[in-house]
N, C-alpha and C. Protein backbone atom coordinates (compact mmCIF):
# COMPACT_ATOMS: atom_id res chain seq x y z
N GLY A 1 28.05 31.62 0.87
CA GLY A 1 27.35 33.02 1.89
C GLY A 1 29.29 34.09 1.36
N PRO A 2 28.69 35.01 2.11
CA PRO A 2 30.17 35.83 1.54
C PRO A 2 31.28 34.84 3.00
N GLU A 3 32.41 35.58 2.29
CA GLU A 3 33.44 34.94 2.77
C GLU A 3 33.90 35.62 4.85
N ASN A 4 34.32 33.97 5.70
CA ASN A 4 34.70 34.31 6.59
C ASN A 4 35.77 34.63 7.32
N GLN A 5 36.65 34.77 6.37
CA GLN A 5 37.97 34.71 6.90
C GLN A 5 38.86 35.47 5.54
N ASP A 6 40.53 35.96 5.67
CA ASP A 6 41.01 36.86 5.46
C ASP A 6 41.79 36.34 4.04
N THR A 7 41.71 36.58 2.35
CA THR A 7 42.58 35.51 1.65
C THR A 7 44.00 36.02 1.26
N ASP A 8 44.64 34.51 1.41
CA ASP A 8 46.42 34.97 1.53
C ASP A 8 46.89 35.42 0.64
N PHE A 9 47.63 36.70 0.94
CA PHE A 9 47.75 37.54 -0.12
C PHE A 9 49.55 37.45 -0.11
N THR A 10 49.99 37.37 -1.76
CA THR A 10 51.38 37.51 -1.74
C THR A 10 52.28 37.88 -3.07
N TRP A 11 53.00 38.59 -2.79
CA TRP A 11 53.52 40.01 -3.55
C TRP A 11 54.21 39.28 -5.02
N GLU A 12 54.71 37.60 -4.95
CA GLU A 12 54.91 37.59 -5.68
C GLU A 12 53.71 36.55 -6.30
N GLU A 13 52.85 35.98 -6.24
CA GLU A 13 51.68 35.60 -6.87
C GLU A 13 50.74 36.95 -7.53
N PHE A 14 51.05 37.93 -6.94
CA PHE A 14 50.52 39.43 -7.23
C PHE A 14 51.58 39.52 -8.59
N VAL A 15 52.68 39.74 -8.70
CA VAL A 15 52.97 39.76 -9.74
C VAL A 15 52.76 38.52 -10.80
N ARG A 16 53.07 37.32 -10.12
CA ARG A 16 52.55 36.29 -11.39
C ARG A 16 51.59 36.49 -12.23
N ARG A 17 50.25 37.17 -11.18
CA ARG A 17 48.97 37.35 -11.59
C ARG A 17 48.74 38.17 -13.11
N VAL A 18 49.23 39.44 -12.37
CA VAL A 18 49.34 40.43 -12.93
C VAL A 18 50.25 40.47 -14.30
N ASN A 19 51.61 39.71 -14.11
CA ASN A 19 52.22 39.10 -15.61
C ASN A 19 51.31 38.55 -16.43
N PHE A 20 51.00 37.30 -15.96
CA PHE A 20 49.53 36.63 -16.49
C PHE A 20 48.93 36.66 -17.34
N GLU A 21 48.14 38.04 -17.16
CA GLU A 21 46.94 39.12 -17.92
C GLU A 21 48.04 39.79 -18.59
N LEU A 22 48.99 40.48 -18.71
CA LEU A 22 49.74 41.37 -18.89
C LEU A 22 49.60 40.61 -20.56
N ALA A 23 50.27 39.65 -20.23
CA ALA A 23 50.72 38.52 -21.61
C ALA A 23 49.19 38.29 -22.12
N ASN A 24 48.50 38.00 -21.59
CA ASN A 24 46.85 37.35 -22.25
C ASN A 24 46.69 38.56 -23.19
N GLU A 25 46.24 40.28 -22.11
CA GLU A 25 46.47 40.51 -23.12
C GLU A 25 46.70 41.58 -24.29
N TRP A 26 48.31 41.52 -23.79
CA TRP A 26 49.26 41.68 -25.88
C TRP A 26 48.97 40.48 -26.56
N GLY A 27 48.83 39.11 -25.87
CA GLY A 27 48.85 38.48 -27.45
C GLY A 27 47.27 38.68 -28.02
N ASN A 28 46.50 38.46 -27.24
CA ASN A 28 44.67 39.10 -27.87
C ASN A 28 45.79 40.58 -28.84
N LEU A 29 45.71 41.30 -28.55
CA LEU A 29 46.36 42.64 -29.98
C LEU A 29 47.01 42.47 -30.55
N VAL A 30 47.88 41.22 -30.73
CA VAL A 30 48.68 41.31 -32.09
C VAL A 30 47.93 40.29 -32.73
N ASN A 31 47.29 39.34 -32.07
CA ASN A 31 46.00 38.12 -32.92
C ASN A 31 45.21 39.26 -33.28
N ARG A 32 44.26 40.41 -32.47
CA ARG A 32 43.17 41.02 -33.37
C ARG A 32 44.50 42.30 -34.36
N SER A 33 45.05 42.52 -34.38
CA SER A 33 46.30 43.47 -34.84
C SER A 33 46.58 42.78 -37.10
N ILE A 34 47.06 41.32 -36.40
CA ILE A 34 47.42 40.81 -38.02
C ILE A 34 46.07 40.18 -38.03
N SER A 35 45.43 39.23 -37.35
CA SER A 35 43.74 39.54 -38.09
C SER A 35 43.31 39.99 -39.15
N MET A 36 43.33 41.52 -38.21
CA MET A 36 42.42 42.75 -39.13
C MET A 36 42.78 43.12 -40.04
N ALA A 37 44.62 42.98 -40.33
CA ALA A 37 46.08 42.71 -41.20
C ALA A 37 44.98 42.17 -42.76
N PHE A 38 45.60 40.98 -42.51
CA PHE A 38 45.02 40.12 -42.92
C PHE A 38 43.79 40.04 -43.81
N LYS A 39 42.57 40.32 -43.17
CA LYS A 39 41.07 40.82 -43.63
C LYS A 39 41.29 41.76 -44.52
N ASN A 40 41.98 43.30 -44.08
CA ASN A 40 41.85 44.49 -44.58
C ASN A 40 42.58 44.48 -46.06
N CYS A 41 43.93 43.29 -46.14
CA CYS A 41 44.70 43.47 -46.76
C CYS A 41 45.41 42.14 -47.26
N GLY A 42 44.73 41.45 -46.98
CA GLY A 42 45.10 39.94 -47.90
C GLY A 42 45.85 39.08 -47.61
N GLU A 43 46.82 39.99 -46.96
CA GLU A 43 47.88 39.42 -46.64
C GLU A 43 48.03 39.97 -44.78
N ILE A 44 49.86 39.55 -44.73
CA ILE A 44 50.00 40.91 -43.64
C ILE A 44 51.07 41.24 -44.13
N PRO A 45 51.52 42.32 -44.23
CA PRO A 45 52.07 43.35 -44.85
C PRO A 45 53.66 43.36 -44.51
N ALA A 46 54.75 43.42 -44.99
CA ALA A 46 55.60 42.94 -45.45
C ALA A 46 56.53 44.33 -44.50
N ALA A 47 57.54 44.05 -44.05
CA ALA A 47 58.31 44.47 -43.07
C ALA A 47 58.47 45.90 -43.79
N GLY A 48 58.56 47.69 -43.94
CA GLY A 48 59.63 48.14 -44.14
C GLY A 48 60.56 49.17 -43.67
N GLU A 49 61.05 49.40 -43.99
CA GLU A 49 61.90 50.90 -43.39
C GLU A 49 61.51 51.09 -42.20
N LEU A 50 62.23 51.00 -40.82
CA LEU A 50 61.76 52.20 -39.96
C LEU A 50 61.45 53.56 -40.02
N THR A 51 61.24 54.58 -39.78
CA THR A 51 61.04 55.85 -39.93
C THR A 51 61.77 56.29 -38.39
N ASP A 52 62.02 57.25 -38.55
CA ASP A 52 62.28 58.17 -36.90
C ASP A 52 60.90 58.63 -36.50
N ALA A 53 60.06 58.44 -36.95
CA ALA A 53 58.25 57.93 -36.00
C ALA A 53 58.32 56.95 -35.65
N ASP A 54 58.73 55.60 -36.49
CA ASP A 54 58.67 54.49 -35.81
C ASP A 54 59.78 54.40 -34.10
N ARG A 55 60.57 54.64 -34.93
CA ARG A 55 61.39 54.73 -34.04
C ARG A 55 61.64 55.23 -32.63
N GLU A 56 60.99 56.53 -33.23
CA GLU A 56 60.64 57.09 -31.50
C GLU A 56 59.57 56.64 -30.48
N LEU A 57 57.97 55.84 -31.26
CA LEU A 57 57.45 54.80 -30.69
C LEU A 57 57.67 54.05 -30.18
N LEU A 58 58.87 53.41 -31.10
CA LEU A 58 59.62 51.95 -29.95
C LEU A 58 59.64 52.23 -29.02
N ASP A 59 61.14 53.43 -29.57
CA ASP A 59 61.53 53.67 -27.77
C ASP A 59 60.70 53.94 -26.86
N ALA A 60 59.50 54.59 -27.03
CA ALA A 60 58.50 55.00 -26.38
C ALA A 60 58.24 54.01 -24.88
N SER A 61 57.92 53.04 -26.05
CA SER A 61 57.53 51.57 -25.43
C SER A 61 57.95 50.25 -25.44
N ALA A 62 59.49 50.92 -25.69
CA ALA A 62 60.39 49.89 -24.98
C ALA A 62 60.75 50.33 -23.35
N GLY A 63 60.86 52.05 -23.69
CA GLY A 63 61.43 52.50 -21.80
C GLY A 63 60.22 52.18 -21.04
N GLY A 64 58.54 52.21 -21.56
CA GLY A 64 57.78 51.92 -20.65
C GLY A 64 58.00 50.57 -19.09
N PHE A 65 58.56 49.77 -20.42
CA PHE A 65 59.12 48.36 -18.98
C PHE A 65 59.91 48.67 -18.47
N ASP A 66 60.38 49.67 -18.72
CA ASP A 66 61.46 49.67 -17.28
C ASP A 66 60.81 50.72 -16.37
N THR A 67 60.51 51.52 -16.75
CA THR A 67 59.18 52.55 -15.06
C THR A 67 57.97 51.05 -15.04
N VAL A 68 57.45 49.76 -15.59
CA VAL A 68 56.11 49.37 -14.51
C VAL A 68 56.89 48.48 -14.13
């Protein structure tokens, strides 16, 4: 049946849960990306020189963590 009382809410638990889910999603993305690269290339491609576009994307991504 339906709940008949309020649940306990804490910001600490909220932050813990959000961080846990973000870590899971990030890990899933990395795993899928590596699996796809290995499946289609037969290996994980070696890292090359970063282009200006690469650095721009990395900087934008890193900056996003500061605003979340």
